[in-house]
PDB file of N, CA and C in Angstrom:
ATOM      1  N   MET A   1      73.078 121.117  57.643  1.00  0.00           N
ATOM      2  CA  MET A   1      72.590 122.199  56.655  1.00  0.00           C
ATOM      3  C   MET A   1      71.684 121.408  55.317  1.00  0.00           C
ATOM      4  N   ALA A   2      70.644 122.062  55.043  1.00  0.00           N
ATOM      5  CA  ALA A   2      70.029 121.651  53.947  1.00  0.00           C
ATOM      6  C   ALA A   2      70.793 122.137  52.597  1.00  0.00           C
ATOM      7  N   LEU A   3      70.499 121.558  51.472  1.00  0.00           N
ATOM      8  CA  LEU A   3      70.984 122.112  50.269  1.00  0.00           C
ATOM      9  C   LEU A   3      70.131 123.165  49.448  1.00  0.00           C
ATOM     10  N   LYS A   4      70.257 123.808  48.586  1.00  0.00           N
ATOM     11  CA  LYS A   4      69.358 124.472  47.715  1.00  0.00           C
ATOM     12  C   LYS A   4      69.756 124.440  46.154  1.00  0.00           C
ATOM     13  N   ILE A   5      68.725 124.766  45.267  1.00  0.00           N
ATOM     14  CA  ILE A   5      68.920 124.769  44.269  1.00  0.00           C
ATOM     15  C   ILE A   5      68.931 126.136  43.539  1.00  0.00           C
ATOM     16  N   THR A   6      69.922 126.468  43.053  1.00  0.00           N
ATOM     17  CA  THR A   6      70.156 127.968  42.579  1.00  0.00           C
ATOM     18  C   THR A   6      69.530 128.260  41.141  1.00  0.00           C
ATOM     19  N   ASP A   7      69.168 129.596  40.760  1.00  0.00           N
ATOM     20  CA  ASP A   7      68.593 129.597  39.681  1.00  0.00           C
ATOM     21  C   ASP A   7      69.458 129.314  38.244  1.00  0.00           C
ATOM     22  N   GLU A   8      70.561 128.933  38.452  1.00  0.00           N
ATOM     23  CA  GLU A   8      71.300 128.288  37.288  1.00  0.00           C
ATOM     24  C   GLU A   8      70.804 126.781  36.921  1.00  0.00           C
ATOM     25  N   CYS A   9      69.778 126.426  37.583  1.00  0.00           N
ATOM     26  CA  CYS A   9      69.405 125.080  37.398  1.00  0.00           C
ATOM     27  C   CYS A   9      68.845 124.911  35.868  1.00  0.00           C
ATOM     28  N   ILE A  10      68.996 124.079  35.221  1.00  0.00           N
ATOM     29  CA  ILE A  10      68.428 123.895  33.827  1.00  0.00           C
ATOM     30  C   ILE A  10      67.356 122.830  33.706  1.00  0.00           C
ATOM     31  N   ASN A  11      66.721 122.578  34.757  1.00  0.00           N
ATOM     32  CA  ASN A  11      65.652 121.528  35.057  1.00  0.00           C
ATOM     33  C   ASN A  11      65.870 120.391  34.263  1.00  0.00           C
ATOM     34  N   CYS A  12      66.885 119.825  34.392  1.00  0.00           N
ATOM     35  CA  CYS A  12      67.438 118.596  33.771  1.00  0.00           C
ATOM     36  C   CYS A  12      66.835 117.291  34.197  1.00  0.00           C
ATOM     37  N   ASP A  13      66.091 117.318  35.311  1.00  0.00           N
ATOM     38  CA  ASP A  13      65.394 116.189  35.872  1.00  0.00           C
ATOM     39  C   ASP A  13      66.144 115.128  36.604  1.00  0.00           C
ATOM     40  N   VAL A  14      67.469 115.579  36.684  1.00  0.00           N
ATOM     41  CA  VAL A  14      68.240 114.397  37.310  1.00  0.00           C
ATOM     42  C   VAL A  14      68.314 114.109  38.884  1.00  0.00           C
ATOM     43  N   CYS A  15      68.239 115.635  39.493  1.00  0.00           N
ATOM     44  CA  CYS A  15      68.186 115.655  41.022  1.00  0.00           C
ATOM     45  C   CYS A  15      66.964 114.995  41.723  1.00  0.00           C
ATOM     46  N   GLU A  16      65.809 115.179  41.316  1.00  0.00           N
ATOM     47  CA  GLU A  16      64.593 114.549  41.627  1.00  0.00           C
ATOM     48  C   GLU A  16      64.557 113.168  42.125  1.00  0.00           C
ATOM     49  N   PRO A  17      64.933 112.243  41.202  1.00  0.00           N
ATOM     50  CA  PRO A  17      64.798 110.947  41.330  1.00  0.00           C
ATOM     51  C   PRO A  17      65.661 110.398  42.314  1.00  0.00           C
ATOM     52  N   VAL A  18      66.933 110.918  42.420  1.00  0.00           N
ATOM     53  CA  VAL A  18      67.921 110.412  43.376  1.00  0.00           C
ATOM     54  C   VAL A  18      67.914 110.922  44.787  1.00  0.00           C
ATOM     55  N   CYS A  19      66.985 111.683  44.969  1.00  0.00           N
ATOM     56  CA  CYS A  19      66.970 112.128  46.236  1.00  0.00           C
ATOM     57  C   CYS A  19      66.199 111.096  47.300  1.00  0.00           C
ATOM     58  N   PRO A  20      66.679 110.491  48.230  1.00  0.00           N
ATOM     59  CA  PRO A  20      66.042 109.428  48.799  1.00  0.00           C
ATOM     60  C   PRO A  20      65.036 110.203  49.930  1.00  0.00           C
ATOM     61  N   ASN A  21      65.002 111.173  50.080  1.00  0.00           N
ATOM     62  CA  ASN A  21      64.175 111.618  51.096  1.00  0.00           C
ATOM     63  C   ASN A  21      63.059 112.427  50.449  1.00  0.00           C
ATOM     64  N   ASP A  22      62.801 112.217  49.095  1.00  0.00           N
ATOM     65  CA  ASP A  22      61.680 113.034  48.455  1.00  0.00           C
ATOM     66  C   ASP A  22      61.746 114.476  48.734  1.00  0.00           C
ATOM     67  N   ALA A  23      62.913 115.325  48.909  1.00  0.00           N
ATOM     68  CA  ALA A  23      62.845 116.629  49.432  1.00  0.00           C
ATOM     69  C   ALA A  23      62.629 117.456  48.241  1.00  0.00           C
ATOM     70  N   ILE A  24      62.908 117.140  47.043  1.00  0.00           N
ATOM     71  CA  ILE A  24      63.062 117.748  45.684  1.00  0.00           C
ATOM     72  C   ILE A  24      61.840 117.667  45.137  1.00  0.00           C
ATOM     73  N   PHE A  25      61.516 119.018  44.514  1.00  0.00           N
ATOM     74  CA  PHE A  25      60.202 118.972  43.745  1.00  0.00           C
ATOM     75  C   PHE A  25      60.312 120.101  42.831  1.00  0.00           C
ATOM     76  N   MET A  26      59.403 120.098  41.800  1.00  0.00           N
ATOM     77  CA  MET A  26      59.572 121.184  40.714  1.00  0.00           C
ATOM     78  C   MET A  26      58.859 122.547  41.313  1.00  0.00           C
ATOM     79  N   GLY A  27      59.373 123.520  41.362  1.00  0.00           N
ATOM     80  CA  GLY A  27      58.863 124.984  41.840  1.00  0.00           C
ATOM     81  C   GLY A  27      58.132 125.518  40.588  1.00  0.00           C
ATOM     82  N   GLU A  28      57.964 126.736  40.879  1.00  0.00           N
ATOM     83  CA  GLU A  28      57.339 127.526  39.637  1.00  0.00           C
ATOM     84  C   GLU A  28      58.021 127.612  38.400  1.00  0.00           C
ATOM     85  N   LEU A  29      59.448 127.861  38.689  1.00  0.00           N
ATOM     86  CA  LEU A  29      60.542 127.910  37.560  1.00  0.00           C
ATOM     87  C   LEU A  29      61.479 126.979  37.475  1.00  0.00           C
ATOM     88  N   ILE A  30      62.071 126.166  38.633  1.00  0.00           N
ATOM     89  CA  ILE A  30      62.834 125.389  38.680  1.00  0.00           C
ATOM     90  C   ILE A  30      62.664 124.503  39.805  1.00  0.00           C
ATOM     91  N   TYR A  31      63.520 123.403  39.876  1.00  0.00           N
ATOM     92  CA  TYR A  31      63.456 122.653  41.025  1.00  0.00           C
ATOM     93  C   TYR A  31      63.774 123.361  42.027  1.00  0.00           C
ATOM     94  N   GLU A  32      63.216 122.868  43.391  1.00  0.00           N
ATOM     95  CA  GLU A  32      63.473 123.353  44.667  1.00  0.00           C
ATOM     96  C   GLU A  32      63.700 122.325  45.774  1.00  0.00           C
ATOM     97  N   ILE A  33      64.467 122.601  46.846  1.00  0.00           N
ATOM     98  CA  ILE A  33      64.596 121.526  47.754  1.00  0.00           C
ATOM     99  C   ILE A  33      63.765 122.014  49.010  1.00  0.00           C
ATOM    100  N   HIS A  34      62.953 121.065  49.579  1.00  0.00           N
ATOM    101  CA  HIS A  34      62.350 121.420  50.729  1.00  0.00           C
ATOM    102  C   HIS A  34      63.329 121.081  52.075  1.00  0.00           C
ATOM    103  N   PRO A  35      63.708 122.294  52.860  1.00  0.00           N
ATOM    104  CA  PRO A  35      64.646 121.981  53.936  1.00  0.00           C
ATOM    105  C   PRO A  35      64.394 120.926  54.970  1.00  0.00           C
ATOM    106  N   GLN A  36      62.831 121.156  55.293  1.00  0.00           N
ATOM    107  CA  GLN A  36      62.482 120.076  56.092  1.00  0.00           C
ATOM    108  C   GLN A  36      62.879 118.699  56.056  1.00  0.00           C
ATOM    109  N   LEU A  37      62.996 118.434  54.767  1.00  0.00           N
ATOM    110  CA  LEU A  37      63.058 117.009  54.231  1.00  0.00           C
ATOM    111  C   LEU A  37      64.634 116.757  53.843  1.00  0.00           C
ATOM    112  N   CYS A  38      65.336 117.580  53.683  1.00  0.00           N
ATOM    113  CA  CYS A  38      66.828 117.396  53.240  1.00  0.00           C
ATOM    114  C   CYS A  38      67.740 117.271  54.511  1.00  0.00           C
ATOM    115  N   THR A  39      68.324 115.968  54.285  1.00  0.00           N
ATOM    116  CA  THR A  39      69.551 115.643  55.168  1.00  0.00           C
ATOM    117  C   THR A  39      70.626 115.573  54.657  1.00  0.00           C
ATOM    118  N   GLU A  40      70.972 116.106  53.449  1.00  0.00           N
ATOM    119  CA  GLU A  40      71.983 116.153  52.673  1.00  0.00           C
ATOM    120  C   GLU A  40      72.582 114.599  52.429  1.00  0.00           C
ATOM    121  N   CYS A  41      71.409 114.074  52.406  1.00  0.00           N
ATOM    122  CA  CYS A  41      71.887 112.264  52.171  1.00  0.00           C
ATOM    123  C   CYS A  41      72.363 111.660  53.487  1.00  0.00           C
ATOM    124  N   VAL A  42      72.484 112.273  54.447  1.00  0.00           N
ATOM    125  CA  VAL A  42      73.052 111.697  55.802  1.00  0.00           C
ATOM    126  C   VAL A  42      72.165 110.585  55.915  1.00  0.00           C
ATOM    127  N   GLY A  43      72.508 109.318  56.491  1.00  0.00           N
ATOM    128  CA  GLY A  43      71.923 108.421  56.927  1.00  0.00           C
ATOM    129  C   GLY A  43      71.648 107.352  55.424  1.00  0.00           C
ATOM    130  N   HIS A  44      71.775 107.983  54.294  1.00  0.00           N
ATOM    131  CA  HIS A  44      71.572 107.337  53.104  1.00  0.00           C
ATOM    132  C   HIS A  44      73.017 106.869  52.240  1.00  0.00           C
ATOM    133  N   PHE A  45      73.657 108.103  52.002  1.00  0.00           N
ATOM    134  CA  PHE A  45      74.974 108.093  51.213  1.00  0.00           C
ATOM    135  C   PHE A  45      75.917 108.936  52.056  1.00  0.00           C
ATOM    136  N   ASP A  46      77.103 108.701  51.503  1.00  0.00           N
ATOM    137  CA  ASP A  46      78.330 109.689  51.965  1.00  0.00           C
ATOM    138  C   ASP A  46      78.443 111.070  51.233  1.00  0.00           C
ATOM    139  N   THR A  47      77.559 111.311  50.271  1.00  0.00           N
ATOM    140  CA  THR A  47      77.770 112.532  49.301  1.00  0.00           C
ATOM    141  C   THR A  47      76.111 112.734  49.027  1.00  0.00           C
ATOM    142  N   PRO A  48      75.855 113.956  48.954  1.00  0.00           N
ATOM    143  CA  PRO A  48      74.572 114.353  48.566  1.00  0.00           C
ATOM    144  C   PRO A  48      74.300 114.064  47.126  1.00  0.00           C
ATOM    145  N   GLN A  49      73.435 113.248  46.746  1.00  0.00           N
ATOM    146  CA  GLN A  49      73.299 112.353  45.474  1.00  0.00           C
ATOM    147  C   GLN A  49      72.768 113.783  44.343  1.00  0.00           C
ATOM    148  N   CYS A  50      72.064 114.556  44.878  1.00  0.00           N
ATOM    149  CA  CYS A  50      71.613 115.504  43.765  1.00  0.00           C
ATOM    150  C   CYS A  50      72.842 116.447  43.315  1.00  0.00           C
ATOM    151  N   ALA A  51      73.683 116.930  44.394  1.00  0.00           N
ATOM    152  CA  ALA A  51      74.556 117.650  44.004  1.00  0.00           C
ATOM    153  C   ALA A  51      75.774 116.695  43.118  1.00  0.00           C
ATOM    154  N   LEU A  52      75.688 115.487  43.544  1.00  0.00           N
ATOM    155  CA  LEU A  52      76.612 114.562  42.811  1.00  0.00           C
ATOM    156  C   LEU A  52      76.408 114.464  41.347  1.00  0.00           C
ATOM    157  N   PHE A  53      75.266 114.299  41.040  1.00  0.00           N
ATOM    158  CA  PHE A  53      74.570 114.095  39.807  1.00  0.00           C
ATOM    159  C   PHE A  53      74.465 115.371  38.955  1.00  0.00           C
ATOM    160  N   CYS A  54      74.212 116.457  39.533  1.00  0.00           N
ATOM    161  CA  CYS A  54      73.901 117.764  38.785  1.00  0.00           C
ATOM    162  C   CYS A  54      74.807 118.046  37.742  1.00  0.00           C
ATOM    163  N   PRO A  55      74.486 118.195  36.560  1.00  0.00           N
ATOM    164  CA  PRO A  55      75.533 118.588  35.430  1.00  0.00           C
ATOM    165  C   PRO A  55      75.905 119.898  35.481  1.00  0.00           C
ATOM    166  N   VAL A  56      75.265 121.034  36.249  1.00  0.00           N
ATOM    167  CA  VAL A  56      75.540 122.372  35.916  1.00  0.00           C
ATOM    168  C   VAL A  56      76.041 122.759  37.600  1.00  0.00           C
ATOM    169  N   ASP A  57      76.277 121.828  38.492  1.00  0.00           N
ATOM    170  CA  ASP A  57      76.762 122.232  39.698  1.00  0.00           C
ATOM    171  C   ASP A  57      76.045 123.449  40.547  1.00  0.00           C
ATOM    172  N   CYS A  58      74.801 123.226  40.538  1.00  0.00           N
ATOM    173  CA  CYS A  58      74.003 124.590  40.832  1.00  0.00           C
ATOM    174  C   CYS A  58      73.130 123.950  42.499  1.00  0.00           C
ATOM    175  N   ILE A  59      73.707 123.171  43.210  1.00  0.00           N
ATOM    176  CA  ILE A  59      73.014 122.651  44.360  1.00  0.00           C
ATOM    177  C   ILE A  59      74.259 122.885  45.526  1.00  0.00           C
ATOM    178  N   PRO A  60      74.479 124.218  46.150  1.00  0.00           N
ATOM    179  CA  PRO A  60      75.203 124.401  47.017  1.00  0.00           C
ATOM    180  C   PRO A  60      74.491 124.075  48.747  1.00  0.00           C
ATOM    181  N   LYS A  61      75.114 124.334  49.456  1.00  0.00           N
ATOM    182  CA  LYS A  61      74.548 124.175  50.864  1.00  0.00           C
ATOM    183  C   LYS A  61      73.696 125.676  51.196  1.00  0.00           C
ATOM    184  N   ASP A  62      72.741 125.376  51.910  1.00  0.00           N
ATOM    185  CA  ASP A  62      71.606 126.564  51.970  1.00  0.00           C
ATOM    186  C   ASP A  62      72.194 127.331  53.356  1.00  0.00           C
ATOM    187  N   GLU A  63      72.782 128.471  53.183  1.00  0.00           N
ATOM    188  CA  GLU A  63      73.202 129.099  54.616  1.00  0.00           C
ATOM    189  C   GLU A  63      72.249 129.479  55.401  1.00  0.00           C
ATOM    190  N   ASN A  64      70.987 129.639  54.883  1.00  0.00           N
ATOM    191  CA  ASN A  64      69.745 129.869  55.741  1.00  0.00           C
ATOM    192  C   ASN A  64      69.135 128.584  56.582  1.00  0.00           C
ATOM    193  N   HIS A  65      69.906 127.559  56.352  1.00  0.00           N
ATOM    194  CA  HIS A  65      69.419 126.453  57.109  1.00  0.00           C
ATOM    195  C   HIS A  65      70.503 125.401  57.492  1.00  0.00           C
ATOM    196  N   VAL A  66      71.258 125.905  58.398  1.00  0.00           N
ATOM    197  CA  VAL A  66      72.512 125.512  58.834  1.00  0.00           C
ATOM    198  C   VAL A  66      72.123 124.310  59.953  1.00  0.00           C
ATOM    199  N   GLU A  67      72.598 123.274  59.875  1.00  0.00           N
ATOM    200  CA  GLU A  67      72.427 122.070  60.586  1.00  0.00           C
ATOM    201  C   GLU A  67      74.031 121.219  60.869  1.00  0.00           C
ATOM    202  N   SER A  68      74.242 120.715  62.120  1.00  0.00           N
ATOM    203  CA  SER A  68      75.266 119.792  62.027  1.00  0.00           C
ATOM    204  C   SER A  68      74.952 118.464  61.765  1.00  0.00           C
ATOM    205  N   GLN A  69      76.011 117.872  61.456  1.00  0.00           N
ATOM    206  CA  GLN A  69      76.013 116.578  61.212  1.00  0.00           C
ATOM    207  C   GLN A  69      74.799 115.661  62.253  1.00  0.00           C
ATOM    208  N   GLU A  70      75.010 115.954  63.477  1.00  0.00           N
ATOM    209  CA  GLU A  70      74.088 115.349  64.444  1.00  0.00           C
ATOM    210  C   GLU A  70      72.687 115.711  64.099  1.00  0.00           C
ATOM    211  N   GLN A  71      72.505 116.937  63.826  1.00  0.00           N
ATOM    212  CA  GLN A  71      71.031 117.236  63.749  1.00  0.00           C
ATOM    213  C   GLN A  71      70.577 116.637  62.331  1.00  0.00           C
ATOM    214  N   LEU A  72      71.372 116.569  60.982  1.00  0.00           N
ATOM    215  CA  LEU A  72      70.966 115.917  60.049  1.00  0.00           C
ATOM    216  C   LEU A  72      70.571 114.293  60.205  1.00  0.00           C
ATOM    217  N   LEU A  73      71.548 113.900  60.895  1.00  0.00           N
ATOM    218  CA  LEU A  73      71.183 112.514  61.373  1.00  0.00           C
ATOM    219  C   LEU A  73      69.944 112.108  62.038  1.00  0.00           C
ATOM    220  N   GLN A  74      69.653 113.019  63.036  1.00  0.00           N
ATOM    221  CA  GLN A  74      68.322 112.949  63.799  1.00  0.00           C
ATOM    222  C   GLN A  74      66.961 113.474  63.078  1.00  0.00           C
ATOM    223  N   LYS A  75      67.343 114.150  62.119  1.00  0.00           N
ATOM    224  CA  LYS A  75      66.284 114.465  61.152  1.00  0.00           C
ATOM    225  C   LYS A  75      66.132 113.228  60.124  1.00  0.00           C
ATOM    226  N   TYR A  76      67.130 112.481  59.545  1.00  0.00           N
ATOM    227  CA  TYR A  76      67.053 111.303  59.029  1.00  0.00           C
ATOM    228  C   TYR A  76      66.176 110.373  59.747  1.00  0.00           C
ATOM    229  N   GLN A  77      66.466 110.101  61.106  1.00  0.00           N
ATOM    230  CA  GLN A  77      65.887 109.005  61.833  1.00  0.00           C
ATOM    231  C   GLN A  77      64.480 109.549  62.052  1.00  0.00           C
ATOM    232  N   GLN A  78      64.182 110.827  62.058  1.00  0.00           N
ATOM    233  CA  GLN A  78      62.680 110.945  62.411  1.00  0.00           C
ATOM    234  C   GLN A  78      62.048 110.909  61.132  1.00  0.00           C
ATOM    235  N   LEU A  79      62.422 110.844  59.951  1.00  0.00           N
ATOM    236  CA  LEU A  79      61.921 110.899  58.579  1.00  0.00           C
ATOM    237  C   LEU A  79      61.612 109.248  58.499  1.00  0.00           C
ATOM    238  N   GLN A  80      62.646 108.489  58.939  1.00  0.00           N
ATOM    239  CA  GLN A  80      62.447 107.131  58.569  1.00  0.00           C
ATOM    240  C   GLN A  80      61.393 106.785  59.462  1.00  0.00           C
ATOM    241  N   THR A  81      61.454 107.170  60.730  1.00  0.00           N
ATOM    242  CA  THR A  81      60.162 106.742  61.509  1.00  0.00           C
ATOM    243  C   THR A  81      58.914 107.142  61.094  1.00  0.00           C
ATOM    244  N   GLN A  82      58.754 108.363  60.463  1.00  0.00           N
ATOM    245  CA  GLN A  82      57.829 108.500  59.648  1.00  0.00           C
ATOM    246  C   GLN A  82      57.214 107.745  58.548  1.00  0.00           C
ATOM    247  N   LYS A  83      58.109 107.343  57.898  1.00  0.00           N
ATOM    248  CA  LYS A  83      57.936 106.384  56.796  1.00  0.00           C
ATOM    249  C   LYS A  83      57.237 105.195  57.126  1.00  0.00           C
ATOM    250  N   SER A  84      57.735 104.848  58.476  1.00  0.00           N
ATOM    251  CA  SER A  84      57.403 103.271  58.737  1.00  0.00           C
ATOM    252  C   SER A  84      56.143 103.232  59.541  1.00  0.00           C
ATOM    253  N   SER A  85      55.543 104.505  59.959  1.00  0.00           N
ATOM    254  CA  SER A  85      54.391 104.508  60.355  1.00  0.00           C
ATOM    255  C   SER A  85      53.076 104.573  59.607  1.00  0.00           C
TER     256      SER A  85
END
């Protein structure tokens, strides 16, 4: 399941640089997470780094993008393959 950033976001700029998949970007008003790139840090870390460092706790799981651990690992592997090509 991908994560999402809620409108409680204060645009503190902490989440974007800690995302190992470059899934976080500045949206029109707040930061957003591209669900096709978010692996919840599976393959990189044990805990999603954006949620870990967020000072306002505004990064929950996105119920609209449900994925199993296996699917997240497959996505991670695909992203790594794309980066190395």
